[in-house]
PDB file of N, CA and C in Angstrom:
ATOM      1  N   MET A   1       0.752  -1.308  -0.056  1.00  0.00           N
ATOM      2  CA  MET A   1       0.126   0.192  -0.197  1.00  0.00           C
ATOM      3  C   MET A   1       1.245   1.648   0.009  1.00  0.00           C
ATOM      4  N   ALA A   2       0.463   2.401  -0.624  1.00  0.00           N
ATOM      5  CA  ALA A   2       1.427   3.684  -0.719  1.00  0.00           C
ATOM      6  C   ALA A   2      -0.052   4.924  -0.077  1.00  0.00           C
ATOM      7  N   TRP A   3       0.254   5.754   0.005  1.00  0.00           N
ATOM      8  CA  TRP A   3       0.077   7.053   0.321  1.00  0.00           C
ATOM      9  C   TRP A   3      -0.466   8.396  -0.530  1.00  0.00           C
ATOM     10  N   LYS A   4      -1.414   8.515  -0.815  1.00  0.00           N
ATOM     11  CA  LYS A   4      -1.800   9.846  -1.563  1.00  0.00           C
ATOM     12  C   LYS A   4      -2.221  11.168  -0.090  1.00  0.00           C
ATOM     13  N   MET A   5      -1.341  12.025  -0.045  1.00  0.00           N
ATOM     14  CA  MET A   5      -1.609  13.553   0.193  1.00  0.00           C
ATOM     15  C   MET A   5      -2.446  13.979  -0.812  1.00  0.00           C
ATOM     16  N   THR A   6      -3.313  14.989  -0.810  1.00  0.00           N
ATOM     17  CA  THR A   6      -4.028  15.806  -1.377  1.00  0.00           C
ATOM     18  C   THR A   6      -4.087  17.198  -0.742  1.00  0.00           C
ATOM     19  N   VAL A   7      -3.321  18.291  -1.121  1.00  0.00           N
ATOM     20  CA  VAL A   7      -3.168  19.471  -0.458  1.00  0.00           C
ATOM     21  C   VAL A   7      -4.214  20.537  -1.842  1.00  0.00           C
ATOM     22  N   ASP A   8      -5.415  20.945  -1.221  1.00  0.00           N
ATOM     23  CA  ASP A   8      -6.053  22.242  -1.477  1.00  0.00           C
ATOM     24  C   ASP A   8      -5.642  23.646  -1.081  1.00  0.00           C
ATOM     25  N   VAL A   9      -5.632  24.840  -1.902  1.00  0.00           N
ATOM     26  CA  VAL A   9      -5.426  25.631  -2.158  1.00  0.00           C
ATOM     27  C   VAL A   9      -6.295  26.462  -2.247  1.00  0.00           C
ATOM     28  N   VAL A  10      -6.792  27.690  -1.647  1.00  0.00           N
ATOM     29  CA  VAL A  10      -8.050  28.448  -1.930  1.00  0.00           C
ATOM     30  C   VAL A  10      -7.663  29.491  -1.836  1.00  0.00           C
ATOM     31  N   PRO A  11      -8.344  30.420  -2.558  1.00  0.00           N
ATOM     32  CA  PRO A  11      -8.800  32.066  -2.295  1.00  0.00           C
ATOM     33  C   PRO A  11      -7.957  32.894  -0.814  1.00  0.00           C
ATOM     34  N   GLN A  12      -8.133  34.277  -0.917  1.00  0.00           N
ATOM     35  CA  GLN A  12      -7.991  34.532   0.668  1.00  0.00           C
ATOM     36  C   GLN A  12      -9.979  34.729   0.339  1.00  0.00           C
ATOM     37  N   GLY A  13     -10.748  34.548   1.726  1.00  0.00           N
ATOM     38  CA  GLY A  13     -11.828  34.624   1.413  1.00  0.00           C
ATOM     39  C   GLY A  13     -12.728  33.097   1.262  1.00  0.00           C
ATOM     40  N   GLY A  14     -11.695  32.408   0.929  1.00  0.00           N
ATOM     41  CA  GLY A  14     -12.366  30.690   0.297  1.00  0.00           C
ATOM     42  C   GLY A  14     -13.337  30.689  -0.733  1.00  0.00           C
ATOM     43  N   GLY A  15     -13.962  29.810  -1.190  1.00  0.00           N
ATOM     44  CA  GLY A  15     -14.405  29.783  -2.478  1.00  0.00           C
ATOM     45  C   GLY A  15     -14.233  28.238  -3.540  1.00  0.00           C
ATOM     46  N   PHE A  16     -13.783  28.592  -4.276  1.00  0.00           N
ATOM     47  CA  PHE A  16     -13.527  27.438  -5.329  1.00  0.00           C
ATOM     48  C   PHE A  16     -11.932  26.865  -5.029  1.00  0.00           C
ATOM     49  N   VAL A  17     -11.281  25.845  -5.184  1.00  0.00           N
ATOM     50  CA  VAL A  17     -10.157  25.847  -4.833  1.00  0.00           C
ATOM     51  C   VAL A  17      -9.490  26.554  -6.409  1.00  0.00           C
ATOM     52  N   GLU A  18      -8.071  26.661  -5.839  1.00  0.00           N
ATOM     53  CA  GLU A  18      -7.333  27.303  -6.909  1.00  0.00           C
ATOM     54  C   GLU A  18      -6.292  26.211  -7.448  1.00  0.00           C
ATOM     55  N   VAL A  19      -5.532  25.654  -6.267  1.00  0.00           N
ATOM     56  CA  VAL A  19      -5.085  24.963  -7.080  1.00  0.00           C
ATOM     57  C   VAL A  19      -4.907  23.544  -6.297  1.00  0.00           C
ATOM     58  N   GLN A  20      -4.424  22.768  -6.578  1.00  0.00           N
ATOM     59  CA  GLN A  20      -4.403  21.391  -6.046  1.00  0.00           C
ATOM     60  C   GLN A  20      -2.936  20.280  -6.223  1.00  0.00           C
ATOM     61  N   HIS A  21      -2.466  20.100  -5.311  1.00  0.00           N
ATOM     62  CA  HIS A  21      -0.936  19.639  -4.769  1.00  0.00           C
ATOM     63  C   HIS A  21      -1.509  18.297  -4.825  1.00  0.00           C
ATOM     64  N   VAL A  22      -0.861  17.043  -5.512  1.00  0.00           N
ATOM     65  CA  VAL A  22      -0.908  15.688  -4.744  1.00  0.00           C
ATOM     66  C   VAL A  22       0.703  14.944  -4.840  1.00  0.00           C
ATOM     67  N   PHE A  23       0.725  14.435  -3.138  1.00  0.00           N
ATOM     68  CA  PHE A  23       1.914  13.945  -3.402  1.00  0.00           C
ATOM     69  C   PHE A  23       1.883  12.613  -2.853  1.00  0.00           C
ATOM     70  N   TYR A  24       2.926  12.213  -3.286  1.00  0.00           N
ATOM     71  CA  TYR A  24       3.035  10.176  -2.559  1.00  0.00           C
ATOM     72  C   TYR A  24       4.062   9.818  -1.971  1.00  0.00           C
ATOM     73  N   GLY A  25       3.625   8.959  -1.342  1.00  0.00           N
ATOM     74  CA  GLY A  25       4.903   8.116  -0.347  1.00  0.00           C
ATOM     75  C   GLY A  25       4.402   7.027  -0.306  1.00  0.00           C
ATOM     76  N   GLU A  26       5.663   6.047   0.633  1.00  0.00           N
ATOM     77  CA  GLU A  26       5.202   4.845   0.949  1.00  0.00           C
ATOM     78  C   GLU A  26       4.308   4.862   2.397  1.00  0.00           C
ATOM     79  N   SER A  27       4.718   5.996   2.845  1.00  0.00           N
ATOM     80  CA  SER A  27       4.266   6.093   4.006  1.00  0.00           C
ATOM     81  C   SER A  27       3.413   7.388   4.303  1.00  0.00           C
ATOM     82  N   LYS A  28       2.482   7.859   5.266  1.00  0.00           N
ATOM     83  CA  LYS A  28       1.672   9.246   5.461  1.00  0.00           C
ATOM     84  C   LYS A  28       2.963  10.175   5.242  1.00  0.00           C
ATOM     85  N   ALA A  29       4.060   9.666   6.571  1.00  0.00           N
ATOM     86  CA  ALA A  29       5.568  10.356   7.018  1.00  0.00           C
ATOM     87  C   ALA A  29       6.212  10.650   5.207  1.00  0.00           C
ATOM     88  N   ASP A  30       6.295  10.115   4.516  1.00  0.00           N
ATOM     89  CA  ASP A  30       6.598   9.872   2.707  1.00  0.00           C
ATOM     90  C   ASP A  30       6.010  11.025   2.666  1.00  0.00           C
ATOM     91  N   ALA A  31       5.238  10.856   2.430  1.00  0.00           N
ATOM     92  CA  ALA A  31       4.118  11.719   1.406  1.00  0.00           C
ATOM     93  C   ALA A  31       4.380  12.882   2.039  1.00  0.00           C
ATOM     94  N   GLU A  32       4.110  13.149   3.304  1.00  0.00           N
ATOM     95  CA  GLU A  32       4.019  14.790   3.842  1.00  0.00           C
ATOM     96  C   GLU A  32       5.418  15.246   3.850  1.00  0.00           C
ATOM     97  N   ALA A  33       6.263  14.623   4.005  1.00  0.00           N
ATOM     98  CA  ALA A  33       7.872  14.860   3.778  1.00  0.00           C
ATOM     99  C   ALA A  33       8.079  15.702   2.324  1.00  0.00           C
ATOM    100  N   VAL A  34       7.494  14.686   1.023  1.00  0.00           N
ATOM    101  CA  VAL A  34       7.548  14.715  -0.401  1.00  0.00           C
ATOM    102  C   VAL A  34       7.067  17.016  -0.269  1.00  0.00           C
ATOM    103  N   PHE A  35       5.867  16.571   0.815  1.00  0.00           N
ATOM    104  CA  PHE A  35       5.145  18.065   0.722  1.00  0.00           C
ATOM    105  C   PHE A  35       5.512  19.379   1.088  1.00  0.00           C
ATOM    106  N   GLN A  36       6.466  19.069   2.320  1.00  0.00           N
ATOM    107  CA  GLN A  36       7.029  19.848   3.024  1.00  0.00           C
ATOM    108  C   GLN A  36       8.577  20.376   1.978  1.00  0.00           C
ATOM    109  N   ARG A  37       8.864  19.429   1.340  1.00  0.00           N
ATOM    110  CA  ARG A  37      10.235  19.815   0.237  1.00  0.00           C
ATOM    111  C   ARG A  37       9.358  20.700  -0.931  1.00  0.00           C
ATOM    112  N   HIS A  38       8.426  20.410  -0.999  1.00  0.00           N
ATOM    113  CA  HIS A  38       8.034  21.146  -2.067  1.00  0.00           C
ATOM    114  C   HIS A  38       7.792  22.920  -1.738  1.00  0.00           C
ATOM    115  N   ALA A  39       6.808  22.791  -0.217  1.00  0.00           N
ATOM    116  CA  ALA A  39       6.487  23.834   0.068  1.00  0.00           C
ATOM    117  C   ALA A  39       7.710  25.110   0.301  1.00  0.00           C
ATOM    118  N   GLU A  40       8.828  24.389   0.566  1.00  0.00           N
ATOM    119  CA  GLU A  40       9.682  25.423   0.730  1.00  0.00           C
ATOM    120  C   GLU A  40      10.019  25.769  -0.286  1.00  0.00           C
ATOM    121  N   GLY A  41       9.892  25.425  -1.688  1.00  0.00           N
ATOM    122  CA  GLY A  41      10.283  26.412  -2.419  1.00  0.00           C
ATOM    123  C   GLY A  41       9.141  26.951  -3.296  1.00  0.00           C
ATOM    124  N   CYS A  42       7.858  26.539  -3.191  1.00  0.00           N
ATOM    125  CA  CYS A  42       6.877  27.264  -4.149  1.00  0.00           C
ATOM    126  C   CYS A  42       6.398  28.574  -3.640  1.00  0.00           C
ATOM    127  N   GLU A  43       6.543  29.215  -4.812  1.00  0.00           N
ATOM    128  CA  GLU A  43       6.132  30.429  -4.352  1.00  0.00           C
ATOM    129  C   GLU A  43       4.489  30.544  -4.030  1.00  0.00           C
ATOM    130  N   PHE A  44       3.818  29.905  -4.492  1.00  0.00           N
ATOM    131  CA  PHE A  44       2.421  29.859  -4.630  1.00  0.00           C
ATOM    132  C   PHE A  44       1.885  28.766  -3.102  1.00  0.00           C
ATOM    133  N   LEU A  45       2.712  28.008  -2.926  1.00  0.00           N
ATOM    134  CA  LEU A  45       2.038  27.130  -1.686  1.00  0.00           C
ATOM    135  C   LEU A  45       2.676  27.614  -0.629  1.00  0.00           C
ATOM    136  N   GLY A  46       4.117  28.065  -0.545  1.00  0.00           N
ATOM    137  CA  GLY A  46       4.188  28.664   1.063  1.00  0.00           C
ATOM    138  C   GLY A  46       3.764  29.452   1.433  1.00  0.00           C
ATOM    139  N   PRO A  47       3.108  30.914   0.921  1.00  0.00           N
ATOM    140  CA  PRO A  47       2.226  31.794   1.558  1.00  0.00           C
ATOM    141  C   PRO A  47       0.851  31.014   1.631  1.00  0.00           C
ATOM    142  N   ALA A  48       0.808  30.061   1.024  1.00  0.00           N
ATOM    143  CA  ALA A  48      -0.790  30.067   1.750  1.00  0.00           C
ATOM    144  C   ALA A  48      -1.008  29.204   2.787  1.00  0.00           C
ATOM    145  N   ILE A  49      -0.072  28.403   2.764  1.00  0.00           N
ATOM    146  CA  ILE A  49      -0.120  27.625   4.390  1.00  0.00           C
ATOM    147  C   ILE A  49       0.383  28.572   5.295  1.00  0.00           C
ATOM    148  N   VAL A  50       1.044  29.613   5.101  1.00  0.00           N
ATOM    149  CA  VAL A  50       1.406  30.705   6.292  1.00  0.00           C
ATOM    150  C   VAL A  50       0.096  31.451   6.181  1.00  0.00           C
ATOM    151  N   GLU A  51      -0.677  32.040   5.361  1.00  0.00           N
ATOM    152  CA  GLU A  51      -2.304  32.667   5.506  1.00  0.00           C
ATOM    153  C   GLU A  51      -3.281  31.286   5.508  1.00  0.00           C
ATOM    154  N   GLY A  52      -2.630  30.313   6.042  1.00  0.00           N
ATOM    155  CA  GLY A  52      -4.068  29.844   6.426  1.00  0.00           C
ATOM    156  C   GLY A  52      -5.186  29.197   4.925  1.00  0.00           C
ATOM    157  N   ARG A  53      -4.652  29.020   4.013  1.00  0.00           N
ATOM    158  CA  ARG A  53      -5.356  28.957   2.932  1.00  0.00           C
ATOM    159  C   ARG A  53      -5.282  27.344   2.136  1.00  0.00           C
ATOM    160  N   VAL A  54      -5.067  26.991   2.871  1.00  0.00           N
ATOM    161  CA  VAL A  54      -4.183  25.174   2.650  1.00  0.00           C
ATOM    162  C   VAL A  54      -5.089  24.292   3.698  1.00  0.00           C
ATOM    163  N   SER A  55      -5.713  23.082   3.064  1.00  0.00           N
ATOM    164  CA  SER A  55      -6.635  21.775   3.576  1.00  0.00           C
ATOM    165  C   SER A  55      -5.395  20.576   3.064  1.00  0.00           C
ATOM    166  N   SER A  56      -5.776  19.861   3.085  1.00  0.00           N
ATOM    167  CA  SER A  56      -4.905  18.553   2.895  1.00  0.00           C
ATOM    168  C   SER A  56      -5.681  17.264   3.469  1.00  0.00           C
ATOM    169  N   GLU A  57      -5.551  16.069   3.105  1.00  0.00           N
ATOM    170  CA  GLU A  57      -6.291  14.653   3.529  1.00  0.00           C
ATOM    171  C   GLU A  57      -5.391  13.542   2.303  1.00  0.00           C
ATOM    172  N   PHE A  58      -4.975  12.782   3.526  1.00  0.00           N
ATOM    173  CA  PHE A  58      -4.178  11.502   3.325  1.00  0.00           C
ATOM    174  C   PHE A  58      -5.591  10.177   2.525  1.00  0.00           C
ATOM    175  N   GLU A  59      -5.228   9.715   1.832  1.00  0.00           N
ATOM    176  CA  GLU A  59      -5.891   8.585   1.349  1.00  0.00           C
ATOM    177  C   GLU A  59      -4.563   7.159   1.061  1.00  0.00           C
ATOM    178  N   GLU A  60      -4.790   6.092   1.806  1.00  0.00           N
ATOM    179  CA  GLU A  60      -4.276   5.145   1.303  1.00  0.00           C
ATOM    180  C   GLU A  60      -4.640   4.484   0.090  1.00  0.00           C
ATOM    181  N   ILE A  61      -3.255   4.293  -0.856  1.00  0.00           N
ATOM    182  CA  ILE A  61      -3.744   4.118  -2.348  1.00  0.00           C
ATOM    183  C   ILE A  61      -3.438   2.147  -2.754  1.00  0.00           C
ATOM    184  N   GLU A  62      -3.793   1.681  -2.924  1.00  0.00           N
ATOM    185  CA  GLU A  62      -2.757   0.302  -3.845  1.00  0.00           C
ATOM    186  C   GLU A  62      -1.701   0.622  -4.284  1.00  0.00           C
ATOM    187  N   ASP A  63      -0.584   0.222  -4.266  1.00  0.00           N
ATOM    188  CA  ASP A  63       0.222   0.652  -5.136  1.00  0.00           C
ATOM    189  C   ASP A  63       0.511   1.044  -6.798  1.00  0.00           C
ATOM    190  N   ASP A  64      -0.651   0.059  -7.177  1.00  0.00           N
ATOM    191  CA  ASP A  64      -1.075   0.597  -8.611  1.00  0.00           C
ATOM    192  C   ASP A  64      -1.539   1.154  -9.017  1.00  0.00           C
ATOM    193  N   ASP A  65      -2.172   2.520  -7.752  1.00  0.00           N
ATOM    194  CA  ASP A  65      -2.653   3.234  -8.154  1.00  0.00           C
ATOM    195  C   ASP A  65      -1.732   4.752  -8.033  1.00  0.00           C
ATOM    196  N   TRP A  66      -0.617   4.636  -7.935  1.00  0.00           N
ATOM    197  CA  TRP A  66       0.716   5.527  -7.766  1.00  0.00           C
ATOM    198  C   TRP A  66       0.941   5.836  -8.852  1.00  0.00           C
ATOM    199  N   PRO A  67       0.838   6.465  -9.734  1.00  0.00           N
ATOM    200  CA  PRO A  67       1.166   7.345 -11.000  1.00  0.00           C
ATOM    201  C   PRO A  67       2.422   6.438 -10.706  1.00  0.00           C
ATOM    202  N   GLU A  68       2.979   6.314 -12.093  1.00  0.00           N
ATOM    203  CA  GLU A  68       4.574   5.926 -12.541  1.00  0.00           C
ATOM    204  C   GLU A  68       5.026   6.830 -13.901  1.00  0.00           C
ATOM    205  N   TYR A  69       5.780   7.226 -13.802  1.00  0.00           N
ATOM    206  CA  TYR A  69       6.610   8.446 -14.801  1.00  0.00           C
ATOM    207  C   TYR A  69       7.347   7.000 -15.786  1.00  0.00           C
ATOM    208  N   GLU A  70       6.454   7.728 -16.950  1.00  0.00           N
ATOM    209  CA  GLU A  70       7.330   6.548 -18.279  1.00  0.00           C
ATOM    210  C   GLU A  70       8.281   7.260 -19.245  1.00  0.00           C
ATOM    211  N   ASN A  71       9.123   7.313 -19.543  1.00  0.00           N
ATOM    212  CA  ASN A  71      10.076   8.295 -20.429  1.00  0.00           C
ATOM    213  C   ASN A  71      10.040   7.767 -21.569  1.00  0.00           C
TER     214      ASN A  71
END
């Protein structure tokens, strides 16, 4: 099994989701670590976290549902 972390960013004052990020890992902690690394360098996500405009949820998924990059 693997984990999928979906992170939604909403505009100031609420409304529809502006951006959705999805992070994967072998565990919840792994997915959250990928999220944290991304947030540190993302000019959009970082400020949204500080401003409280982010919600997230975890979902346990089958390994087959973890997207694989094919070159």
